[in-house]
Structures are given as structure tokens and as C-alpha cells.
Amino acid sequence: MSVVPNVIVDITPQQQQQLIMGLIPCQNRYFQDLVWPIIRPGVVELASASEGEWTEFRAWREVYAGSFQLYICYLNKSAEPLKEGINQEAFVNKLKTPADGYAGFFALQLQDVGVHIFCAYIAPEYRKTNVASMALEFLEQQVKAMGAPYISGCAIPELLEAAKKRGYVPTVMNFRKKLK
């Protein structure tokens, strides 16, 4: 696949790839320790972009304590397409080799008025594809199943276009300045 600058490339139809997403259980060091080395570079990148608003340790602690729900994204690189309704089974199988097909993660917060995407990370090689849109579609289904009336998010600027294409309306923007 060639990547055209500043264009979202739809990788699904041509390559028959599907997104596999799953939730890492909170308060479970086994699963968190399994995936943390894979997601850590993204956590560090996002924490650095936050200008000190949050840290890698905060993200780790919030996931462990259950304040964040951590969803991991994988691409199905199998020649066989996933059958309807077996996403969770496919996700559990991906955890046997957690680096293979890794595409990103989303950390969600349950709030009074809905679910907020605290941070979203798509691996650099997938940022100009429709992976973010596929992930948002999956998360929207999850949030609807919870009965939450809203989903909101905070992300690096590269993910804004995918969100807009899915009908998200930019409302407020996070900004930060370190005071001396």
C-alpha cells in the first residue's frame, strides 16, 4: 500500500483487513504487564504531547485502578476474515502474540454524561489509513451498548479528520501552557 500525503487511505476493501479490538481487564497485572511494553511508546508520545498534563505513570495507574478502560487495536492480518461475533475470541488470541498486528489503543473514562476518550493512539504506520475510523466505530457500538448518551474525545490532531468523518463535532480543544 502506498501512502499519499494528507489523504486518508481506506485499507479495508482492498486488503480485506478487519480491526480486532478488546478491553484489557483492570486490576490485573498479568494483562497490563503483557500489553504495556507494546503500548508504552504511544503512551510516552501522548504524555509528552500533553505538556505535562499527565504522565506515563498516571496512565498506567488509571488503567490498573479501573479509572480508564484500555482498548487495544489490532489488524487482522490473517488470510481468513473474522466471522461475525467472534471479535472477543480473536482479541484473546491476539494477546498470545501482543505485538503482532498492533495498531493502537484508546483509554476511555466513564463520566456522568457519557464516555470520554481520554487518549487515543494510532501507530504511525496506520495514521493515514482508516484504522482510527474503524476503531471509533467499534467504540461507538460499545458505548451505545452501555446506554451512555454521549461519547467525547481528546486526541492528537492527526486523529481529528477521522473523527469528523464519523460525525464528531469539534467543541472545545485542550490547550496547555507551563507557567514559570
Foldseek 3Di string as FASTA:
>chain_A
DDFDPPAAAAPCPVQVKAKQKDWQQALDCVSCVLCCVQAVVVQQVVCVVLVNPDHSVVVSVCRNVVQWTKMWIFIPNDPDHDDPPCSVVVVVVCSVVVNHRTFWMWIWGQDPQFIEGEETDGPPVNLSYLRLLSVVVVVVVVRVVVVHPDYYYAYDPSSVVSCVVVPDDDDDHDDDDDDD
